């Protein structure tokens, strides 16, 4: 999707949660995505990737973590987490 559009609108319960450039939404996840060999309990969510490593999303990457380039999907998941009232607010 990021390659197909310049702007994205995220709706939740009829309310606009984000309206702007795709790059701006992705930028909200900078420093909040990191890779590990095991799921990180400090992360809001983690999943095993095709490489066998874990992609972790959270408020901030822990010190010394291998920070990953965020994707549109990462930013969306973090935005949804902040809407749900978690500690992962942007």
PDB file of N, CA and C in Angstrom:
ATOM      1  N   UNK A   1       0.816  -1.191   0.000  1.00  0.00           N
ATOM      2  CA  UNK A   1       0.000   0.000   0.000  1.00  0.00           C
ATOM      3  C   UNK A   1       0.861   1.257   0.000  1.00  0.00           C
ATOM      4  N   UNK A   2       1.937   1.261   0.748  1.00  0.00           N
ATOM      5  CA  UNK A   2       2.783   2.449   0.833  1.00  0.00           C
ATOM      6  C   UNK A   2       3.321   2.855  -0.526  1.00  0.00           C
ATOM      7  N   UNK A   3       3.527   1.888  -1.411  1.00  0.00           N
ATOM      8  CA  UNK A   3       4.055   2.186  -2.739  1.00  0.00           C
ATOM      9  C   UNK A   3       2.969   2.701  -3.674  1.00  0.00           C
ATOM     10  N   UNK A   4       1.721   2.545  -3.299  1.00  0.00           N
ATOM     11  CA  UNK A   4       0.616   2.911  -4.180  1.00  0.00           C
ATOM     12  C   UNK A   4      -0.025   4.253  -3.870  1.00  0.00           C
ATOM     13  N   UNK A   5       0.189   4.774  -2.693  1.00  0.00           N
ATOM     14  CA  UNK A   5      -0.485   6.021  -2.327  1.00  0.00           C
ATOM     15  C   UNK A   5       0.469   6.958  -1.593  1.00  0.00           C
ATOM     16  N   UNK A   6       0.116   8.223  -1.624  1.00  0.00           N
ATOM     17  CA  UNK A   6       0.912   9.239  -0.936  1.00  0.00           C
ATOM     18  C   UNK A   6       0.276   9.631   0.393  1.00  0.00           C
ATOM     19  N   UNK A   7      -1.020   9.393   0.511  1.00  0.00           N
ATOM     20  CA  UNK A   7      -1.759   9.827   1.701  1.00  0.00           C
ATOM     21  C   UNK A   7      -2.568   8.662   2.232  1.00  0.00           C
ATOM     22  N   UNK A   8      -2.718   8.637   3.556  1.00  0.00           N
ATOM     23  CA  UNK A   8      -3.503   7.584   4.196  1.00  0.00           C
ATOM     24  C   UNK A   8      -4.389   8.215   5.265  1.00  0.00           C
ATOM     25  N   UNK A   9      -5.583   7.670   5.397  1.00  0.00           N
ATOM     26  CA  UNK A   9      -6.510   8.078   6.450  1.00  0.00           C
ATOM     27  C   UNK A   9      -6.835   6.816   7.243  1.00  0.00           C
ATOM     28  N   UNK A  10      -6.620   6.875   8.550  1.00  0.00           N
ATOM     29  CA  UNK A  10      -6.936   5.743   9.423  1.00  0.00           C
ATOM     30  C   UNK A  10      -8.170   6.119  10.225  1.00  0.00           C
ATOM     31  N   UNK A  11      -9.215   5.317  10.064  1.00  0.00           N
ATOM     32  CA  UNK A  11     -10.469   5.519  10.782  1.00  0.00           C
ATOM     33  C   UNK A  11     -10.605   4.467  11.864  1.00  0.00           C
ATOM     34  N   UNK A  12     -11.171   4.860  12.982  1.00  0.00           N
ATOM     35  CA  UNK A  12     -11.429   3.919  14.060  1.00  0.00           C
ATOM     36  C   UNK A  12     -12.730   4.322  14.722  1.00  0.00           C
ATOM     37  N   UNK A  13     -13.716   3.464  14.672  1.00  0.00           N
ATOM     38  CA  UNK A  13     -15.005   3.773  15.288  1.00  0.00           C
ATOM     39  C   UNK A  13     -15.623   5.047  14.740  1.00  0.00           C
ATOM     40  N   UNK A  14     -15.387   5.310  13.474  1.00  0.00           N
ATOM     41  CA  UNK A  14     -15.940   6.502  12.839  1.00  0.00           C
ATOM     42  C   UNK A  14     -15.135   7.770  13.058  1.00  0.00           C
ATOM     43  N   UNK A  15     -14.066   7.688  13.820  1.00  0.00           N
ATOM     44  CA  UNK A  15     -13.216   8.859  14.084  1.00  0.00           C
ATOM     45  C   UNK A  15     -11.914   8.749  13.292  1.00  0.00           C
ATOM     46  N   UNK A  16     -11.449   9.864  12.790  1.00  0.00           N
ATOM     47  CA  UNK A  16     -10.183   9.895  12.074  1.00  0.00           C
ATOM     48  C   UNK A  16      -9.054   9.904  13.099  1.00  0.00           C
ATOM     49  N   UNK A  17      -8.193   8.883  13.045  1.00  0.00           N
ATOM     50  CA  UNK A  17      -7.057   8.779  13.968  1.00  0.00           C
ATOM     51  C   UNK A  17      -5.772   9.285  13.343  1.00  0.00           C
ATOM     52  N   UNK A  18      -5.710   9.267  12.012  1.00  0.00           N
ATOM     53  CA  UNK A  18      -4.552   9.808  11.309  1.00  0.00           C
ATOM     54  C   UNK A  18      -5.001  10.184   9.911  1.00  0.00           C
ATOM     55  N   UNK A  19      -4.519  11.332   9.446  1.00  0.00           N
ATOM     56  CA  UNK A  19      -4.794  11.796   8.086  1.00  0.00           C
ATOM     57  C   UNK A  19      -3.553  12.539   7.628  1.00  0.00           C
ATOM     58  N   UNK A  20      -2.810  11.928   6.727  1.00  0.00           N
ATOM     59  CA  UNK A  20      -1.601  12.587   6.259  1.00  0.00           C
ATOM     60  C   UNK A  20      -0.791  11.719   5.318  1.00  0.00           C
ATOM     61  N   UNK A  21       0.412  12.142   5.103  1.00  0.00           N
ATOM     62  CA  UNK A  21       1.310  11.432   4.197  1.00  0.00           C
ATOM     63  C   UNK A  21       1.716  10.085   4.793  1.00  0.00           C
ATOM     64  N   UNK A  22       1.846   9.091   3.932  1.00  0.00           N
ATOM     65  CA  UNK A  22       2.271   7.765   4.358  1.00  0.00           C
ATOM     66  C   UNK A  22       3.597   7.870   5.095  1.00  0.00           C
ATOM     67  N   UNK A  23       4.531   8.649   4.569  1.00  0.00           N
ATOM     68  CA  UNK A  23       5.852   8.778   5.210  1.00  0.00           C
ATOM     69  C   UNK A  23       5.737   9.352   6.616  1.00  0.00           C
ATOM     70  N   UNK A  24       4.747  10.227   6.851  1.00  0.00           N
ATOM     71  CA  UNK A  24       4.555  10.795   8.188  1.00  0.00           C
ATOM     72  C   UNK A  24       4.010   9.756   9.165  1.00  0.00           C
ATOM     73  N   UNK A  25       3.117   8.900   8.692  1.00  0.00           N
ATOM     74  CA  UNK A  25       2.624   7.827   9.553  1.00  0.00           C
ATOM     75  C   UNK A  25       3.751   6.860   9.879  1.00  0.00           C
ATOM     76  N   UNK A  26       4.528   6.479   8.876  1.00  0.00           N
ATOM     77  CA  UNK A  26       5.657   5.571   9.093  1.00  0.00           C
ATOM     78  C   UNK A  26       6.656   6.199  10.069  1.00  0.00           C
ATOM     79  N   UNK A  27       6.876   7.497   9.970  1.00  0.00           N
ATOM     80  CA  UNK A  27       7.836   8.189  10.847  1.00  0.00           C
ATOM     81  C   UNK A  27       7.437   8.108  12.315  1.00  0.00           C
ATOM     82  N   UNK A  28       6.143   7.930  12.606  1.00  0.00           N
ATOM     83  CA  UNK A  28       5.717   7.819  14.007  1.00  0.00           C
ATOM     84  C   UNK A  28       6.262   6.551  14.665  1.00  0.00           C
ATOM     85  N   UNK A  29       6.720   5.594  13.856  1.00  0.00           N
ATOM     86  CA  UNK A  29       7.257   4.334  14.390  1.00  0.00           C
ATOM     87  C   UNK A  29       8.784   4.332  14.468  1.00  0.00           C
ATOM     88  N   UNK A  30       9.421   5.417  14.070  1.00  0.00           N
ATOM     89  CA  UNK A  30      10.893   5.476  14.143  1.00  0.00           C
ATOM     90  C   UNK A  30      11.366   5.231  15.567  1.00  0.00           C
ATOM     91  N   UNK A  31      12.348   4.325  15.713  1.00  0.00           N
ATOM     92  CA  UNK A  31      12.908   4.021  17.023  1.00  0.00           C
ATOM     93  C   UNK A  31      12.022   3.148  17.897  1.00  0.00           C
ATOM     94  N   UNK A  32      10.936   2.628  17.336  1.00  0.00           N
ATOM     95  CA  UNK A  32       9.986   1.839  18.114  1.00  0.00           C
ATOM     96  C   UNK A  32       9.844   0.412  17.593  1.00  0.00           C
ATOM     97  N   UNK A  33      10.730   0.040  16.653  1.00  0.00           N
ATOM     98  CA  UNK A  33      10.713  -1.296  16.054  1.00  0.00           C
ATOM     99  C   UNK A  33      12.115  -1.867  16.177  1.00  0.00           C
ATOM    100  N   UNK A  34      12.232  -3.090  16.716  1.00  0.00           N
ATOM    101  CA  UNK A  34      13.547  -3.688  16.869  1.00  0.00           C
ATOM    102  C   UNK A  34      13.484  -5.192  16.651  1.00  0.00           C
ATOM    103  N   UNK A  35      14.640  -5.758  16.324  1.00  0.00           N
ATOM    104  CA  UNK A  35      14.755  -7.187  16.030  1.00  0.00           C
ATOM    105  C   UNK A  35      15.509  -7.900  17.141  1.00  0.00           C
ATOM    106  N   UNK A  36      15.059  -9.123  17.457  1.00  0.00           N
ATOM    107  CA  UNK A  36      15.719  -9.950  18.468  1.00  0.00           C
ATOM    108  C   UNK A  36      15.650 -11.413  18.030  1.00  0.00           C
ATOM    109  N   UNK A  37      16.418 -12.241  18.714  1.00  0.00           N
ATOM    110  CA  UNK A  37      16.384 -13.682  18.438  1.00  0.00           C
ATOM    111  C   UNK A  37      15.254 -14.383  19.177  1.00  0.00           C
ATOM    112  N   UNK A  38      14.731 -13.760  20.222  1.00  0.00           N
ATOM    113  CA  UNK A  38      13.597 -14.271  21.008  1.00  0.00           C
ATOM    114  C   UNK A  38      12.581 -13.131  21.157  1.00  0.00           C
ATOM    115  N   UNK A  39      11.332 -13.464  21.365  1.00  0.00           N
ATOM    116  CA  UNK A  39      10.323 -12.430  21.595  1.00  0.00           C
ATOM    117  C   UNK A  39      10.726 -11.600  22.813  1.00  0.00           C
ATOM    118  N   UNK A  40      10.608 -10.297  22.709  1.00  0.00           N
ATOM    119  CA  UNK A  40      10.998  -9.380  23.783  1.00  0.00           C
ATOM    120  C   UNK A  40       9.770  -9.053  24.628  1.00  0.00           C
ATOM    121  N   UNK A  41       9.808  -9.394  25.903  1.00  0.00           N
ATOM    122  CA  UNK A  41       8.675  -9.157  26.794  1.00  0.00           C
ATOM    123  C   UNK A  41       8.386  -7.677  27.009  1.00  0.00           C
ATOM    124  N   UNK A  42       9.335  -6.812  26.700  1.00  0.00           N
ATOM    125  CA  UNK A  42       9.120  -5.366  26.837  1.00  0.00           C
ATOM    126  C   UNK A  42       8.314  -4.798  25.682  1.00  0.00           C
ATOM    127  N   UNK A  43       8.154  -5.572  24.625  1.00  0.00           N
ATOM    128  CA  UNK A  43       7.449  -5.109  23.429  1.00  0.00           C
ATOM    129  C   UNK A  43       5.938  -5.156  23.630  1.00  0.00           C
ATOM    130  N   UNK A  44       5.254  -4.259  22.954  1.00  0.00           N
ATOM    131  CA  UNK A  44       3.784  -4.276  22.948  1.00  0.00           C
ATOM    132  C   UNK A  44       3.303  -5.512  22.192  1.00  0.00           C
ATOM    133  N   UNK A  45       3.971  -5.832  21.101  1.00  0.00           N
ATOM    134  CA  UNK A  45       3.670  -7.024  20.321  1.00  0.00           C
ATOM    135  C   UNK A  45       4.940  -7.498  19.626  1.00  0.00           C
ATOM    136  N   UNK A  46       5.027  -8.793  19.391  1.00  0.00           N
ATOM    137  CA  UNK A  46       6.178  -9.400  18.725  1.00  0.00           C
ATOM    138  C   UNK A  46       5.685 -10.519  17.826  1.00  0.00           C
ATOM    139  N   UNK A  47       6.387 -10.757  16.741  1.00  0.00           N
ATOM    140  CA  UNK A  47       6.085 -11.910  15.906  1.00  0.00           C
ATOM    141  C   UNK A  47       7.351 -12.379  15.221  1.00  0.00           C
ATOM    142  N   UNK A  48       7.362 -13.658  14.916  1.00  0.00           N
ATOM    143  CA  UNK A  48       8.511 -14.269  14.260  1.00  0.00           C
ATOM    144  C   UNK A  48       8.415 -13.993  12.761  1.00  0.00           C
ATOM    145  N   UNK A  49       9.497 -13.511  12.190  1.00  0.00           N
ATOM    146  CA  UNK A  49       9.530 -13.193  10.762  1.00  0.00           C
ATOM    147  C   UNK A  49      10.002 -14.412   9.967  1.00  0.00           C
ATOM    148  N   UNK A  50       9.991 -14.288   8.665  1.00  0.00           N
ATOM    149  CA  UNK A  50      10.447 -15.361   7.792  1.00  0.00           C
ATOM    150  C   UNK A  50      11.913 -15.700   7.962  1.00  0.00           C
ATOM    151  N   UNK A  51      12.673 -14.786   8.544  1.00  0.00           N
ATOM    152  CA  UNK A  51      14.103 -15.034   8.786  1.00  0.00           C
ATOM    153  C   UNK A  51      14.340 -15.788  10.089  1.00  0.00           C
ATOM    154  N   UNK A  52      13.264 -15.994  10.872  1.00  0.00           N
ATOM    155  CA  UNK A  52      13.399 -16.667  12.161  1.00  0.00           C
ATOM    156  C   UNK A  52      13.632 -15.728  13.323  1.00  0.00           C
ATOM    157  N   UNK A  53      13.828 -14.440  13.029  1.00  0.00           N
ATOM    158  CA  UNK A  53      14.006 -13.450  14.098  1.00  0.00           C
ATOM    159  C   UNK A  53      12.650 -12.886  14.488  1.00  0.00           C
ATOM    160  N   UNK A  54      12.612 -12.164  15.620  1.00  0.00           N
ATOM    161  CA  UNK A  54      11.381 -11.552  16.086  1.00  0.00           C
ATOM    162  C   UNK A  54      11.394 -10.063  15.803  1.00  0.00           C
ATOM    163  N   UNK A  55      10.275  -9.573  15.300  1.00  0.00           N
ATOM    164  CA  UNK A  55      10.073  -8.140  15.093  1.00  0.00           C
ATOM    165  C   UNK A  55       9.238  -7.680  16.273  1.00  0.00           C
ATOM    166  N   UNK A  56       9.753  -6.698  17.005  1.00  0.00           N
ATOM    167  CA  UNK A  56       9.126  -6.200  18.232  1.00  0.00           C
ATOM    168  C   UNK A  56       8.691  -4.754  18.035  1.00  0.00           C
ATOM    169  N   UNK A  57       7.521  -4.410  18.571  1.00  0.00           N
ATOM    170  CA  UNK A  57       7.017  -3.037  18.528  1.00  0.00           C
ATOM    171  C   UNK A  57       6.742  -2.592  19.952  1.00  0.00           C
ATOM    172  N   UNK A  58       7.139  -1.367  20.276  1.00  0.00           N
ATOM    173  CA  UNK A  58       6.887  -0.859  21.614  1.00  0.00           C
ATOM    174  C   UNK A  58       7.037   0.641  21.687  1.00  0.00           C
ATOM    175  N   UNK A  59       6.984   1.166  22.896  1.00  0.00           N
ATOM    176  CA  UNK A  59       7.094   2.612  23.110  1.00  0.00           C
ATOM    177  C   UNK A  59       8.425   3.132  22.587  1.00  0.00           C
ATOM    178  N   UNK A  60       9.503   2.446  22.926  1.00  0.00           N
ATOM    179  CA  UNK A  60      10.838   2.758  22.398  1.00  0.00           C
ATOM    180  C   UNK A  60      11.653   1.478  22.400  1.00  0.00           C
ATOM    181  N   UNK A  61      12.594   1.399  21.476  1.00  0.00           N
ATOM    182  CA  UNK A  61      13.487   0.242  21.449  1.00  0.00           C
ATOM    183  C   UNK A  61      14.397   0.310  22.666  1.00  0.00           C
ATOM    184  N   UNK A  62      14.656  -0.815  23.310  1.00  0.00           N
ATOM    185  CA  UNK A  62      15.548  -0.805  24.473  1.00  0.00           C
ATOM    186  C   UNK A  62      16.980  -0.448  24.075  1.00  0.00           C
ATOM    187  N   UNK A  63      17.731   0.055  25.023  1.00  0.00           N
ATOM    188  CA  UNK A  63      19.134   0.414  24.780  1.00  0.00           C
ATOM    189  C   UNK A  63      19.880  -0.793  24.232  1.00  0.00           C
ATOM    190  N   UNK A  64      20.661  -0.565  23.197  1.00  0.00           N
ATOM    191  CA  UNK A  64      21.470  -1.615  22.602  1.00  0.00           C
ATOM    192  C   UNK A  64      20.727  -2.514  21.636  1.00  0.00           C
ATOM    193  N   UNK A  65      19.434  -2.276  21.433  1.00  0.00           N
ATOM    194  CA  UNK A  65      18.643  -3.119  20.534  1.00  0.00           C
ATOM    195  C   UNK A  65      19.016  -2.867  19.078  1.00  0.00           C
ATOM    196  N   UNK A  66      18.775  -3.860  18.251  1.00  0.00           N
ATOM    197  CA  UNK A  66      18.973  -3.727  16.809  1.00  0.00           C
ATOM    198  C   UNK A  66      17.706  -3.091  16.228  1.00  0.00           C
ATOM    199  N   UNK A  67      17.746  -1.783  16.087  1.00  0.00           N
ATOM    200  CA  UNK A  67      16.576  -1.039  15.617  1.00  0.00           C
ATOM    201  C   UNK A  67      16.357  -1.332  14.132  1.00  0.00           C
ATOM    202  N   UNK A  68      15.082  -1.555  13.782  1.00  0.00           N
ATOM    203  CA  UNK A  68      14.717  -1.861  12.397  1.00  0.00           C
ATOM    204  C   UNK A  68      14.012  -0.670  11.764  1.00  0.00           C
ATOM    205  N   UNK A  69      14.108  -0.605  10.451  1.00  0.00           N
ATOM    206  CA  UNK A  69      13.377   0.413   9.680  1.00  0.00           C
ATOM    207  C   UNK A  69      11.885   0.094   9.795  1.00  0.00           C
ATOM    208  N   UNK A  70      11.066   1.053  10.250  1.00  0.00           N
ATOM    209  CA  UNK A  70       9.638   0.759  10.403  1.00  0.00           C
ATOM    210  C   UNK A  70       8.930   0.677   9.049  1.00  0.00           C
ATOM    211  N   UNK A  71       7.882  -0.111   9.030  1.00  0.00           N
ATOM    212  CA  UNK A  71       7.034  -0.234   7.846  1.00  0.00           C
ATOM    213  C   UNK A  71       5.706   0.474   8.109  1.00  0.00           C
ATOM    214  N   UNK A  72       4.914   0.609   7.084  1.00  0.00           N
ATOM    215  CA  UNK A  72       3.576   1.172   7.246  1.00  0.00           C
ATOM    216  C   UNK A  72       2.753   0.310   8.202  1.00  0.00           C
ATOM    217  N   UNK A  73       2.909  -0.995   8.101  1.00  0.00           N
ATOM    218  CA  UNK A  73       2.181  -1.904   8.979  1.00  0.00           C
ATOM    219  C   UNK A  73       2.589  -1.717  10.442  1.00  0.00           C
ATOM    220  N   UNK A  74       3.893  -1.532  10.689  1.00  0.00           N
ATOM    221  CA  UNK A  74       4.363  -1.271  12.053  1.00  0.00           C
ATOM    222  C   UNK A  74       3.697  -0.014  12.612  1.00  0.00           C
ATOM    223  N   UNK A  75       3.704   1.045  11.822  1.00  0.00           N
ATOM    224  CA  UNK A  75       3.132   2.317  12.269  1.00  0.00           C
ATOM    225  C   UNK A  75       1.639   2.169  12.546  1.00  0.00           C
ATOM    226  N   UNK A  76       0.940   1.435  11.694  1.00  0.00           N
ATOM    227  CA  UNK A  76      -0.486   1.214  11.891  1.00  0.00           C
ATOM    228  C   UNK A  76      -0.740   0.469  13.203  1.00  0.00           C
ATOM    229  N   UNK A  77       0.017  -0.598  13.447  1.00  0.00           N
ATOM    230  CA  UNK A  77      -0.158  -1.362  14.685  1.00  0.00           C
ATOM    231  C   UNK A  77       0.119  -0.503  15.917  1.00  0.00           C
ATOM    232  N   UNK A  78       1.136   0.341  15.854  1.00  0.00           N
ATOM    233  CA  UNK A  78       1.436   1.228  16.984  1.00  0.00           C
ATOM    234  C   UNK A  78       0.343   2.279  17.165  1.00  0.00           C
ATOM    235  N   UNK A  79      -0.190   2.794  16.070  1.00  0.00           N
ATOM    236  CA  UNK A  79      -1.292   3.751  16.151  1.00  0.00           C
ATOM    237  C   UNK A  79      -2.512   3.092  16.786  1.00  0.00           C
ATOM    238  N   UNK A  80      -2.837   1.886  16.378  1.00  0.00           N
ATOM    239  CA  UNK A  80      -3.966   1.157  16.954  1.00  0.00           C
ATOM    240  C   UNK A  80      -3.745   0.909  18.439  1.00  0.00           C
ATOM    241  N   UNK A  81      -2.520   0.587  18.822  1.00  0.00           N
ATOM    242  CA  UNK A  81      -2.224   0.361  20.236  1.00  0.00           C
ATOM    243  C   UNK A  81      -2.465   1.633  21.039  1.00  0.00           C
ATOM    244  N   UNK A  82      -2.095   2.786  20.488  1.00  0.00           N
ATOM    245  CA  UNK A  82      -2.300   4.042  21.213  1.00  0.00           C
ATOM    246  C   UNK A  82      -3.777   4.391  21.300  1.00  0.00           C
ATOM    247  N   UNK A  83      -4.557   4.033  20.304  1.00  0.00           N
ATOM    248  CA  UNK A  83      -5.999   4.267  20.328  1.00  0.00           C
ATOM    249  C   UNK A  83      -6.646   3.423  21.410  1.00  0.00           C
ATOM    250  N   UNK A  84      -6.123   2.215  21.600  1.00  0.00           N
ATOM    251  CA  UNK A  84      -6.664   1.313  22.608  1.00  0.00           C
ATOM    252  C   UNK A  84      -6.239   1.699  24.021  1.00  0.00           C
ATOM    253  N   UNK A  85      -5.446   2.766  24.151  1.00  0.00           N
ATOM    254  CA  UNK A  85      -5.074   3.263  25.472  1.00  0.00           C
ATOM    255  C   UNK A  85      -3.866   2.615  26.079  1.00  0.00           C
ATOM    256  N   UNK A  86      -3.052   1.959  25.289  1.00  0.00           N
ATOM    257  CA  UNK A  86      -1.871   1.311  25.838  1.00  0.00           C
ATOM    258  C   UNK A  86      -0.743   2.326  26.029  1.00  0.00           C
ATOM    259  N   UNK A  87       0.357   1.845  26.536  1.00  0.00           N
ATOM    260  CA  UNK A  87       1.528   2.686  26.780  1.00  0.00           C
ATOM    261  C   UNK A  87       2.319   2.984  25.517  1.00  0.00           C
ATOM    262  N   UNK A  88       1.840   2.586  24.344  1.00  0.00           N
ATOM    263  CA  UNK A  88       2.606   2.716  23.116  1.00  0.00           C
ATOM    264  C   UNK A  88       2.235   3.978  22.350  1.00  0.00           C
ATOM    265  N   UNK A  89       1.783   5.003  23.017  1.00  0.00           N
ATOM    266  CA  UNK A  89       1.375   6.234  22.342  1.00  0.00           C
ATOM    267  C   UNK A  89       2.544   6.892  21.635  1.00  0.00           C
ATOM    268  N   UNK A  90       2.238   7.495  20.507  1.00  0.00           N
ATOM    269  CA  UNK A  90       3.279   8.154  19.695  1.00  0.00           C
ATOM    270  C   UNK A  90       3.724   9.452  20.325  1.00  0.00           C
TER     271      UNK A  90
END
